[in-house]
Amino acid sequence: MNWQKIGVVFIFLLMAVGGVGGVMLAGYTFIVRS
């Protein structure tokens, strides 16, 4: 499975659906994974 592609799609969906909350969650996920 291509985790990078899945991650990008997941973050995009979070931003589209959750707005600012999605962006914050995406940033948190990025920090945890890095």
Protein backbone atom coordinates (compact mmCIF):
# COMPACT_ATOMS: atom_id res chain seq x y z
CA MET A 1 0.00 0.00 0.00
CA ASN A 2 1.18 3.51 -0.82
CA TRP A 3 1.04 5.19 2.59
CA GLN A 4 2.16 8.57 1.23
CA LYS A 5 -0.74 8.68 -1.24
CA ILE A 6 -3.19 7.53 1.44
CA GLY A 7 -1.86 10.18 3.83
CA VAL A 8 -2.24 12.97 1.26
CA VAL A 9 -5.81 11.94 0.42
CA PHE A 10 -6.67 11.61 4.13
CA ILE A 11 -5.31 15.08 4.93
CA PHE A 12 -7.13 16.56 1.93
CA LEU A 13 -10.40 15.03 3.10
CA LEU A 14 -9.82 16.37 6.62
CA MET A 15 -9.28 19.89 5.27
CA ALA A 16 -12.29 19.67 2.96
CA VAL A 17 -14.68 18.28 5.59
CA GLY A 18 -13.30 19.62 8.87
CA GLY A 19 -11.99 23.00 7.73
CA VAL A 20 -9.71 24.52 10.38
CA GLY A 21 -10.18 21.48 12.64
CA GLY A 22 -9.01 19.26 9.79
CA VAL A 23 -5.93 21.40 9.23
CA MET A 24 -5.06 21.26 12.93
CA LEU A 25 -5.53 17.49 13.01
CA ALA A 26 -3.45 17.10 9.85
CA GLY A 27 -0.64 19.13 11.42
CA TYR A 28 -0.80 17.03 14.57
CA THR A 29 -0.69 13.82 12.50
CA PHE A 30 2.33 15.13 10.56
CA ILE A 31 4.20 15.95 13.79
CA VAL A 32 3.45 12.52 15.27
CA ARG A 33 4.56 10.66 12.12
CA SER A 34 7.76 12.67 11.62
